[in-house]
Amino acid sequence: MESATTQPTRAHAHPKSLTERWWGLFDTRVGALPVPVFLALLAVLAAMTLKGKLASDLPTGIALVAVGGFACAELAKRIPWIRHIGAASIFAAFIPSMLVYYKLMPAPVVKAVTDFTKSSNFLYLFIAAIIVGSVLSMDRQTLIKGFVRIFIPVASGSVVAALVGTGVGVALGMQAKHALFFVVVPIMAGGVGEGALPLSAGYAQILGVERGPLFAQVLSAVMLGNIAAICCAGLLSYLGARKPSLTGNGQLTIAGSAEDTAHAAAPSFEFDVSSVAAAGATAITLYLLGVLSHQLFGWPAPVVMLVLVVAAQCFQVVSPRVRGGARFMYGFFSTAVTYPLMFAISVAMTPWGEIVTAFQWINIVTAVSTVLALTATGFFVGRMVGMYPVEAAIVNATHSGLGGTGDVAILTAANRMELMPFAQIATRIGGGVTVMTALAVFAYLR
C-alpha cells in the first residue's frame, strides 16, 4: 500500500501543460525583460534598423537601451570569475562604447540612442529618483550619523591616495608634478563635467596653453580610475558575501545598541500608486530646485538636491505614505533602469578612444595604486569610526569615479545602490574640494 506521503508527490509530478510551459518561459528574464519580450523587441528593432525607420522617440529609445543594457549585463553575468568583480557594470559601461568606436554598432542605432539620451537627460532623472528614494527610505538617526562620519574616511583616503599614487608614479619614472596633477588628482576630481573640464581649464590658464591636449590627459586618467573603482567595488561586494561581519548590506553605520538596531531596521511604509506618483513629483521638484540654484548662484544642482532631501527627511517634512512611494520608486529605478542607463551613457558619452590612449602600463599601475589606496583607507578608517568597512570602502571608491555615471556603475558593481547619497558627497563635494585645492597648489608651484 502506498503511504500518504508519496501520493502528493506523484500528484505533483504530472507533466506541465503547454500554457504552463509558456508561462515558465515568460517568467525567465533577460534583466527585467521576459525572454519572449526581449526576442520580440530585438526582432522589431532589427527590422526597423534595416528598413531605415528607426526613430529617436521615447518608446523606441527605451526599447533600444533596455535591450542593449540588459543584454550586456546578462552576458557578463554568465562569464565565470570576472562576474564577481563587477563585470556586468563594466560590460554595460564600456562594451557599447567600444562597439561604437570600431563601427560595429549600426549607425542608425548609435544616432537613435545618442539623440534619445541627450534629449531626455534621464541620467539626472535616475540620480534624482535614487537619491530621493534612498534618503527618504532611511532611518533619520542612521542618515545623520552616516553624513557626519563619511567625511572622515573620504578625507583620509584622499590624502593617502595622493601620497601613494604620486609615489608609485615617481617610482615608475614619472615626474612627481605630472603624476600628482595629471593622474592622481583627476581620478579624485569628481568626473568630467565637475572635474576634468574645470581642472584642465585651470591648468591651461595657469600655464598659458591650449586646453585640448591637457583635457585629453586628464580625461584618460579619469577613465582609468573609473574602471579600477568598478573592479574594486565588485571585489568588495564579493568580500562582503564571503565575510558577512564586514558589511551592512547597504547600511553604512554600525548600530551600537539595541535602540540603534531598532532605529536602523528598514522602516515599514504603506503606500499606493498615488504615493509612488507623489514621490516621483517630489524627486523632480527637488531636482529642479537644484537646477534653479545652479542657474542663479552657480551651485552644483545634485548637491543642492541632496541637501534639500536630507533636510526634508531630518525634519520629517514628507509623510510616511509618500516615503513608502519613494522606497518603491528607488527599487524600480535601481532594478529596471540601471543597466539601460549605463548602455545609453556608454553609446552617447563615453569616448573609447580616450580609454585606449590611457592604456599605458605606467598610467594603469599609477591609477590602480591610487584607487586601491583610496579604497583601502576607507575600509580601515571607516571601521575605526563606526562604519561597516565594506560600505565605507565602496563610498571611497566612488570618489575616484566618473561623476554621476561613475557612481551608478560603481554602486551597481557593488550591488549597493542604497549608498548613492553618500557617493554623491564623495563625488561632488570631495571632487570639488580636490579641484580647488589642486588648482591652488598648481598655481603656487608654477
Protein backbone atom coordinates (compact mmCIF):
# COMPACT_ATOMS: atom_id res chain seq x y z
CA MET A 1 0.00 0.00 0.00
CA GLU A 2 1.31 3.49 -0.86
CA SER A 3 1.85 5.85 2.04
CA ALA A 4 0.03 9.15 2.30
CA THR A 5 3.31 11.00 1.89
CA THR A 6 4.04 9.51 -1.54
CA GLN A 7 0.66 10.25 -3.07
CA PRO A 8 1.01 14.08 -3.12
CA THR A 9 4.49 13.71 -4.62
CA ARG A 10 3.17 11.72 -7.54
CA ALA A 11 0.19 14.02 -7.86
CA HIS A 12 2.52 16.98 -8.33
CA ALA A 13 4.64 15.09 -10.90
CA HIS A 14 2.10 15.45 -13.72
CA PRO A 15 3.50 16.87 -16.99
CA LYS A 16 3.13 20.61 -17.41
CA SER A 17 0.63 21.86 -19.92
CA LEU A 18 1.68 23.92 -22.93
CA THR A 19 0.30 27.05 -21.24
CA GLU A 20 2.31 26.39 -18.07
CA ARG A 21 5.48 25.87 -20.09
CA TRP A 22 4.87 29.16 -21.90
CA TRP A 23 4.35 30.91 -18.60
CA GLY A 24 7.61 29.41 -17.32
CA LEU A 25 9.38 30.80 -20.39
CA PHE A 26 7.72 34.17 -19.85
CA ASP A 27 8.95 34.22 -16.25
CA THR A 28 12.52 33.64 -17.47
CA ARG A 29 14.09 37.04 -17.95
CA VAL A 30 16.97 38.84 -19.54
CA GLY A 31 17.44 41.55 -16.95
CA ALA A 32 13.92 42.86 -16.36
CA LEU A 33 12.62 41.70 -19.76
CA PRO A 34 10.79 38.37 -20.22
CA VAL A 35 12.59 36.25 -22.82
CA PRO A 36 9.74 36.39 -25.39
CA VAL A 37 9.54 40.18 -25.00
CA PHE A 38 13.31 40.52 -25.32
CA LEU A 39 13.36 38.43 -28.53
CA ALA A 40 10.37 40.29 -29.97
CA LEU A 41 11.96 43.68 -29.26
CA LEU A 42 15.24 42.52 -30.76
CA ALA A 43 13.48 41.40 -33.96
CA VAL A 44 11.39 44.57 -34.24
CA LEU A 45 14.35 46.90 -33.66
CA ALA A 46 16.48 44.95 -36.17
CA ALA A 47 13.73 45.22 -38.79
CA MET A 48 13.36 48.97 -38.17
CA THR A 49 17.12 49.42 -38.50
CA LEU A 50 17.29 47.51 -41.78
CA LYS A 51 14.36 49.48 -43.19
CA GLY A 52 15.84 52.81 -42.08
CA LYS A 53 12.78 53.52 -39.93
CA LEU A 54 14.46 53.60 -36.50
CA ALA A 55 13.18 56.67 -34.63
CA SER A 56 14.68 58.59 -31.72
CA ASP A 57 11.41 58.97 -29.84
CA LEU A 58 10.76 57.93 -26.24
CA PRO A 59 9.30 54.41 -26.82
CA THR A 60 11.99 53.42 -29.33
CA GLY A 61 14.76 54.89 -27.19
CA ILE A 62 13.57 52.97 -24.12
CA ALA A 63 13.40 49.75 -26.13
CA LEU A 64 16.91 50.23 -27.54
CA VAL A 65 18.64 50.96 -24.25
CA ALA A 66 16.70 48.22 -22.43
CA VAL A 67 17.64 45.53 -24.95
CA GLY A 68 21.26 46.71 -25.14
CA GLY A 69 21.81 47.25 -21.42
CA PHE A 70 20.23 44.02 -20.24
CA ALA A 71 21.98 42.01 -22.97
CA CYS A 72 25.40 43.34 -21.89
CA ALA A 73 24.69 42.66 -18.21
CA GLU A 74 23.31 39.17 -18.88
CA LEU A 75 26.33 38.24 -20.96
CA ALA A 76 28.73 39.38 -18.23
CA LYS A 77 26.84 37.51 -15.52
CA ARG A 78 27.42 34.23 -17.35
CA ILE A 79 31.20 34.56 -17.56
CA PRO A 80 32.96 32.73 -14.68
CA TRP A 81 35.29 34.54 -12.30
CA ILE A 82 35.00 38.07 -13.70
CA ARG A 83 31.29 38.24 -12.88
CA HIS A 84 32.37 38.61 -9.23
CA ILE A 85 34.32 41.82 -9.88
CA GLY A 86 31.57 43.94 -11.39
CA ALA A 87 31.71 42.52 -14.93
CA ALA A 88 28.06 43.40 -15.59
CA SER A 89 28.75 47.08 -14.93
CA ILE A 90 31.98 47.02 -16.92
CA PHE A 91 30.31 45.41 -19.92
CA ALA A 92 27.31 47.77 -19.86
CA ALA A 93 29.52 50.84 -19.33
CA PHE A 94 32.30 50.17 -21.86
CA ILE A 95 31.46 47.44 -24.40
CA PRO A 96 28.90 49.62 -26.25
CA SER A 97 31.45 52.46 -26.43
CA MET A 98 33.97 50.06 -27.93
CA LEU A 99 31.41 48.85 -30.50
CA VAL A 100 30.68 52.46 -31.48
CA TYR A 101 34.38 53.34 -31.78
CA TYR A 102 35.15 50.36 -34.05
CA LYS A 103 31.92 50.97 -36.04
CA LEU A 104 30.48 47.56 -35.06
CA MET A 105 27.20 49.06 -33.92
CA PRO A 106 24.82 50.14 -36.71
CA ALA A 107 24.92 53.89 -37.30
CA PRO A 108 21.10 54.28 -37.03
CA VAL A 109 21.21 52.63 -33.58
CA VAL A 110 24.03 54.93 -32.43
CA LYS A 111 22.16 58.01 -33.65
CA ALA A 112 18.85 56.96 -32.09
CA VAL A 113 20.41 56.12 -28.71
CA THR A 114 22.53 59.31 -28.69
CA ASP A 115 19.61 61.56 -29.60
CA PHE A 116 17.37 59.89 -27.03
CA THR A 117 19.98 60.09 -24.26
CA LYS A 118 20.88 63.73 -24.81
CA SER A 119 17.32 64.96 -25.37
CA SER A 120 15.75 63.09 -22.44
CA ASN A 121 18.62 63.75 -19.97
CA PHE A 122 17.37 60.79 -17.98
CA LEU A 123 20.69 60.35 -16.18
CA TYR A 124 19.61 63.13 -13.82
CA LEU A 125 16.11 61.71 -13.52
CA PHE A 126 17.72 58.45 -12.43
CA ILE A 127 20.02 60.15 -9.92
CA ALA A 128 17.12 62.19 -8.52
CA ALA A 129 14.96 59.08 -8.09
CA ILE A 130 17.79 57.10 -6.48
CA ILE A 131 18.86 59.89 -4.10
CA VAL A 132 15.35 60.90 -3.03
CA GLY A 133 14.16 57.31 -2.78
CA SER A 134 17.13 56.06 -0.76
CA VAL A 135 17.26 59.07 1.60
CA LEU A 136 13.53 59.02 2.34
CA SER A 137 13.75 55.28 3.00
CA MET A 138 16.48 55.70 5.62
CA ASP A 139 16.05 55.99 9.34
CA ARG A 140 16.74 59.58 10.42
CA GLN A 141 19.37 58.70 13.02
CA THR A 142 21.22 56.41 10.61
CA LEU A 143 21.15 59.13 7.99
CA ILE A 144 22.55 61.80 10.31
CA LYS A 145 25.29 59.54 11.64
CA GLY A 146 26.30 58.48 8.13
CA PHE A 147 26.54 62.01 6.77
CA VAL A 148 28.57 63.23 9.73
CA ARG A 149 31.03 60.34 9.67
CA ILE A 150 31.56 59.82 5.94
CA PHE A 151 33.79 62.88 5.62
CA ILE A 152 36.46 61.22 7.78
CA PRO A 153 37.26 58.19 5.55
CA VAL A 154 36.83 60.26 2.36
CA ALA A 155 39.26 62.96 3.52
CA SER A 156 41.75 60.44 4.91
CA GLY A 157 41.56 58.36 1.75
CA SER A 158 42.19 61.41 -0.44
CA VAL A 159 45.41 62.27 1.40
CA VAL A 160 46.69 58.67 1.41
CA ALA A 161 45.77 58.15 -2.26
CA ALA A 162 47.60 61.34 -3.25
CA LEU A 163 50.75 60.20 -1.45
CA VAL A 164 50.63 56.59 -2.67
CA GLY A 165 49.67 57.42 -6.27
CA THR A 166 52.36 60.08 -6.60
CA GLY A 167 54.96 57.81 -5.01
CA VAL A 168 54.14 54.94 -7.37
CA GLY A 169 54.23 57.26 -10.38
CA VAL A 170 57.64 58.62 -9.40
CA ALA A 171 58.95 55.10 -8.79
CA LEU A 172 57.86 54.17 -12.33
CA GLY A 173 59.67 57.11 -13.89
CA MET A 174 57.12 59.94 -13.91
CA GLN A 175 57.87 63.40 -12.65
CA ALA A 176 56.19 63.96 -9.28
CA LYS A 177 54.29 67.00 -10.56
CA HIS A 178 52.92 65.13 -13.57
CA ALA A 179 51.96 62.07 -11.53
CA LEU A 180 50.11 64.16 -8.95
CA PHE A 181 48.34 66.73 -11.11
CA PHE A 182 47.69 64.75 -14.31
CA VAL A 183 46.99 61.25 -12.98
CA VAL A 184 46.17 61.23 -9.26
CA VAL A 185 44.19 64.46 -8.91
CA PRO A 186 41.95 63.87 -11.99
CA ILE A 187 40.95 60.47 -10.59
CA MET A 188 39.54 62.16 -7.46
CA ALA A 189 38.22 65.30 -9.20
CA GLY A 190 34.60 64.17 -9.49
CA GLY A 191 34.21 63.09 -13.11
CA VAL A 192 34.19 65.05 -16.37
CA GLY A 193 31.81 68.00 -16.08
CA GLU A 194 32.66 68.88 -12.48
CA GLY A 195 36.24 67.57 -12.52
CA ALA A 196 38.17 67.09 -15.76
CA LEU A 197 36.79 70.17 -17.52
CA PRO A 198 37.44 72.80 -14.81
CA LEU A 199 40.71 71.12 -13.88
CA SER A 200 42.09 71.19 -17.45
CA ALA A 201 40.77 74.73 -17.96
CA GLY A 202 42.54 75.86 -14.79
CA TYR A 203 45.80 74.15 -15.78
CA ALA A 204 45.63 75.72 -19.25
CA GLN A 205 45.05 79.19 -17.84
CA ILE A 206 47.90 78.86 -15.35
CA LEU A 207 50.32 77.51 -17.98
CA GLY A 208 49.08 79.77 -20.79
CA VAL A 209 48.50 76.90 -23.23
CA GLU A 210 45.59 75.33 -25.14
CA ARG A 211 43.13 73.31 -23.07
CA GLY A 212 42.56 70.45 -25.56
CA PRO A 213 45.74 68.38 -25.03
CA LEU A 214 45.55 68.89 -21.26
CA PHE A 215 41.91 67.78 -21.22
CA ALA A 216 42.83 64.58 -23.09
CA GLN A 217 45.48 63.73 -20.49
CA VAL A 218 43.16 64.44 -17.57
CA LEU A 219 40.24 62.55 -19.13
CA SER A 220 42.31 59.42 -19.72
CA ALA A 221 43.24 59.33 -16.03
CA VAL A 222 39.57 59.76 -15.05
CA MET A 223 38.60 56.81 -17.25
CA LEU A 224 41.29 54.55 -15.81
CA GLY A 225 40.30 55.47 -12.26
CA ASN A 226 36.67 54.70 -13.00
CA ILE A 227 37.45 51.24 -14.36
CA ALA A 228 39.66 50.46 -11.36
CA ALA A 229 36.93 51.66 -8.97
CA ILE A 230 34.32 49.42 -10.63
CA CYS A 231 36.59 46.41 -10.20
CA CYS A 232 37.27 47.33 -6.55
CA ALA A 233 33.55 47.64 -5.90
CA GLY A 234 32.90 44.23 -7.37
CA LEU A 235 35.65 42.69 -5.22
CA LEU A 236 34.27 44.41 -2.11
CA SER A 237 30.81 43.02 -2.81
CA TYR A 238 32.33 39.55 -3.13
CA LEU A 239 34.25 40.07 0.12
CA GLY A 240 31.05 41.09 1.89
CA ALA A 241 29.32 37.93 0.68
CA ARG A 242 32.18 35.78 1.99
CA LYS A 243 32.63 37.76 5.26
CA PRO A 244 29.16 38.95 6.38
CA SER A 245 30.58 40.58 9.52
CA LEU A 246 32.30 43.20 7.37
CA THR A 247 29.21 44.51 5.61
CA GLY A 248 25.88 46.13 6.43
CA ASN A 249 24.47 45.09 3.02
CA GLY A 250 23.89 48.71 2.06
CA GLN A 251 23.70 50.17 5.57
CA LEU A 252 26.69 52.44 6.24
CA THR A 253 26.87 52.88 10.02
CA ILE A 254 27.10 50.11 12.60
CA ALA A 255 24.30 50.07 15.18
CA GLY A 256 25.86 50.38 18.63
CA SER A 257 22.96 49.43 20.86
CA ALA A 258 19.62 47.65 20.84
CA GLU A 259 17.91 51.01 20.42
CA ASP A 260 20.14 51.88 17.47
CA THR A 261 19.42 48.48 15.94
CA ALA A 262 15.72 49.10 16.19
CA HIS A 263 16.13 52.51 14.56
CA ALA A 264 18.34 51.12 11.81
CA ALA A 265 15.81 48.48 10.77
CA ALA A 266 14.24 49.28 7.43
CA PRO A 267 11.03 51.17 8.16
CA SER A 268 7.76 49.67 7.01
CA PHE A 269 5.62 52.02 4.92
CA GLU A 270 2.16 51.75 3.46
CA PHE A 271 1.75 53.20 0.01
CA ASP A 272 -0.30 53.03 -3.16
CA VAL A 273 0.04 54.08 -6.78
CA SER A 274 -0.73 57.71 -6.00
CA SER A 275 2.02 57.66 -3.34
CA VAL A 276 4.55 56.50 -5.92
CA ALA A 277 3.43 59.31 -8.24
CA ALA A 278 3.74 61.80 -5.35
CA ALA A 279 7.26 60.53 -4.62
CA GLY A 280 8.21 60.98 -8.27
CA ALA A 281 6.84 64.53 -8.25
CA THR A 282 8.83 65.22 -5.07
CA ALA A 283 12.04 63.96 -6.66
CA ILE A 284 11.55 66.06 -9.80
CA THR A 285 10.71 69.16 -7.72
CA LEU A 286 13.87 68.80 -5.65
CA TYR A 287 15.94 68.26 -8.78
CA LEU A 288 14.50 71.37 -10.45
CA LEU A 289 15.21 73.40 -7.31
CA GLY A 290 18.81 72.25 -7.64
CA VAL A 291 18.85 73.28 -11.30
CA LEU A 292 17.42 76.70 -10.41
CA SER A 293 20.07 77.21 -7.74
CA HIS A 294 22.73 76.40 -10.33
CA GLN A 295 21.24 78.92 -12.76
CA LEU A 296 21.02 81.65 -10.14
CA PHE A 297 24.07 81.08 -7.95
CA GLY A 298 26.24 78.53 -9.77
CA TRP A 299 25.78 75.90 -7.03
CA PRO A 300 26.03 72.23 -8.12
CA ALA A 301 22.46 71.01 -8.72
CA PRO A 302 22.95 67.44 -7.36
CA VAL A 303 24.49 68.75 -4.14
CA VAL A 304 21.63 71.20 -3.58
CA MET A 305 19.12 68.44 -4.24
CA LEU A 306 20.94 66.18 -1.79
CA VAL A 307 20.96 68.85 0.94
CA LEU A 308 17.24 69.54 0.44
CA VAL A 309 16.14 65.91 0.63
CA VAL A 310 18.33 65.26 3.69
CA ALA A 311 16.77 68.29 5.39
CA ALA A 312 13.29 67.06 4.42
CA GLN A 313 14.00 63.68 5.99
CA CYS A 314 15.60 65.07 9.14
CA PHE A 315 12.69 67.46 9.79
CA GLN A 316 10.06 64.88 8.77
CA VAL A 317 8.64 67.08 6.02
CA VAL A 318 7.49 64.14 3.87
CA SER A 319 4.63 61.92 5.05
CA PRO A 320 5.20 58.19 5.72
CA ARG A 321 2.93 57.21 2.82
CA VAL A 322 4.91 59.26 0.28
CA ARG A 323 8.13 57.93 1.80
CA GLY A 324 6.78 54.45 1.07
CA GLY A 325 6.20 55.51 -2.52
CA ALA A 326 9.76 56.84 -2.65
CA ARG A 327 11.08 53.49 -1.48
CA PHE A 328 9.17 51.70 -4.26
CA MET A 329 10.44 54.29 -6.77
CA TYR A 330 14.01 53.64 -5.62
CA GLY A 331 13.54 49.89 -6.04
CA PHE A 332 12.15 50.27 -9.54
CA PHE A 333 14.91 52.57 -10.81
CA SER A 334 17.74 50.55 -9.25
CA THR A 335 16.37 47.29 -10.70
CA ALA A 336 14.94 48.23 -14.07
CA VAL A 337 16.78 51.38 -15.18
CA THR A 338 20.43 50.97 -14.15
CA TYR A 339 21.81 48.81 -16.98
CA PRO A 340 19.80 50.54 -19.74
CA LEU A 341 21.11 53.88 -18.45
CA MET A 342 24.69 52.65 -18.47
CA PHE A 343 24.28 51.37 -22.02
CA ALA A 344 22.91 54.75 -23.12
CA ILE A 345 25.74 56.68 -21.45
CA SER A 346 28.31 54.33 -22.98
CA VAL A 347 26.98 54.85 -26.51
CA ALA A 348 26.37 58.58 -26.25
CA MET A 349 29.01 59.95 -23.89
CA THR A 350 31.90 57.51 -23.26
CA PRO A 351 34.92 58.14 -25.54
CA TRP A 352 36.54 54.75 -26.10
CA GLY A 353 39.42 56.42 -27.93
CA GLU A 354 40.46 58.25 -24.76
CA ILE A 355 40.36 54.99 -22.81
CA VAL A 356 42.58 53.25 -25.37
CA THR A 357 45.03 56.16 -25.27
CA ALA A 358 45.29 55.80 -21.50
CA PHE A 359 46.16 52.09 -21.66
CA GLN A 360 49.87 52.54 -20.95
CA TRP A 361 51.21 50.36 -18.21
CA ILE A 362 52.71 53.24 -16.17
CA ASN A 363 49.39 55.09 -16.18
CA ILE A 364 47.48 51.91 -15.37
CA VAL A 365 49.67 50.97 -12.40
CA THR A 366 49.61 54.52 -11.03
CA ALA A 367 45.83 54.80 -11.39
CA VAL A 368 45.18 51.39 -9.84
CA SER A 369 47.51 52.18 -6.93
CA THR A 370 45.65 55.46 -6.33
CA VAL A 371 42.23 53.80 -6.29
CA LEU A 372 43.42 50.90 -4.13
CA ALA A 373 44.91 53.32 -1.58
CA LEU A 374 41.71 55.37 -1.52
CA THR A 375 39.51 52.30 -1.13
CA ALA A 376 41.69 50.53 1.45
CA THR A 377 41.87 53.70 3.58
CA GLY A 378 38.08 53.89 3.53
CA PHE A 379 37.90 50.26 4.62
CA PHE A 380 40.11 50.66 7.70
CA VAL A 381 39.26 54.24 8.70
CA GLY A 382 35.55 53.57 8.21
CA ARG A 383 35.75 50.66 10.63
CA MET A 384 37.52 52.85 13.19
CA VAL A 385 34.73 55.47 13.14
CA GLY A 386 31.83 53.03 13.44
CA MET A 387 31.04 52.20 9.81
CA TYR A 388 30.81 48.88 8.05
CA PRO A 389 34.21 48.63 6.32
CA VAL A 390 32.86 47.28 3.02
CA GLU A 391 30.33 50.09 2.67
CA ALA A 392 32.83 52.78 3.71
CA ALA A 393 35.34 51.44 1.17
CA ILE A 394 32.71 51.45 -1.59
CA VAL A 395 31.82 55.08 -0.87
CA ASN A 396 35.52 55.96 -1.01
CA ALA A 397 35.76 54.13 -4.34
CA THR A 398 33.07 56.41 -5.78
CA HIS A 399 35.41 59.34 -5.06
CA SER A 400 37.51 58.00 -7.95
CA GLY A 401 34.54 57.55 -10.26
CA LEU A 402 33.32 59.25 -13.42
CA GLY A 403 30.88 61.65 -11.73
CA GLY A 404 27.22 60.63 -11.66
CA THR A 405 27.65 57.91 -14.29
CA GLY A 406 30.62 56.53 -12.39
CA ASP A 407 28.62 56.41 -9.16
CA VAL A 408 25.94 54.39 -10.94
CA ALA A 409 28.46 51.94 -12.38
CA ILE A 410 30.44 51.54 -9.14
CA LEU A 411 27.40 51.07 -6.90
CA THR A 412 25.86 48.68 -9.41
CA ALA A 413 29.03 46.58 -9.41
CA ALA A 414 28.86 46.52 -5.61
CA ASN A 415 25.08 45.90 -5.55
CA ARG A 416 24.84 48.82 -3.07
CA MET A 417 22.72 51.46 -4.80
CA GLU A 418 21.45 52.49 -1.33
CA LEU A 419 24.77 54.29 -0.87
CA MET A 420 24.06 56.82 -3.64
CA PRO A 421 23.53 59.79 -1.23
CA PHE A 422 26.91 59.17 0.39
CA ALA A 423 28.50 58.56 -3.01
CA GLN A 424 27.28 61.97 -4.10
CA ILE A 425 29.09 63.52 -1.11
CA ALA A 426 32.31 61.74 -2.05
CA THR A 427 31.96 62.59 -5.74
CA ARG A 428 30.56 66.13 -5.71
CA ILE A 429 31.89 67.66 -2.50
CA GLY A 430 35.07 65.58 -2.38
CA GLY A 431 35.70 66.26 -6.08
CA GLY A 432 35.06 69.99 -5.70
CA VAL A 433 37.48 70.27 -2.79
CA THR A 434 40.06 68.27 -4.76
CA VAL A 435 39.81 70.55 -7.81
CA MET A 436 40.04 73.78 -5.81
CA THR A 437 42.97 72.54 -3.73
CA ALA A 438 44.83 71.17 -6.76
CA LEU A 439 44.49 74.39 -8.76
CA ALA A 440 45.69 76.48 -5.82
CA VAL A 441 48.76 74.28 -5.29
CA PHE A 442 49.45 74.03 -9.03
CA ALA A 443 49.39 77.82 -9.38
CA TYR A 444 51.72 78.17 -6.37
CA LEU A 445 54.23 75.64 -7.76
CA ARG A 446 54.10 77.27 -11.19
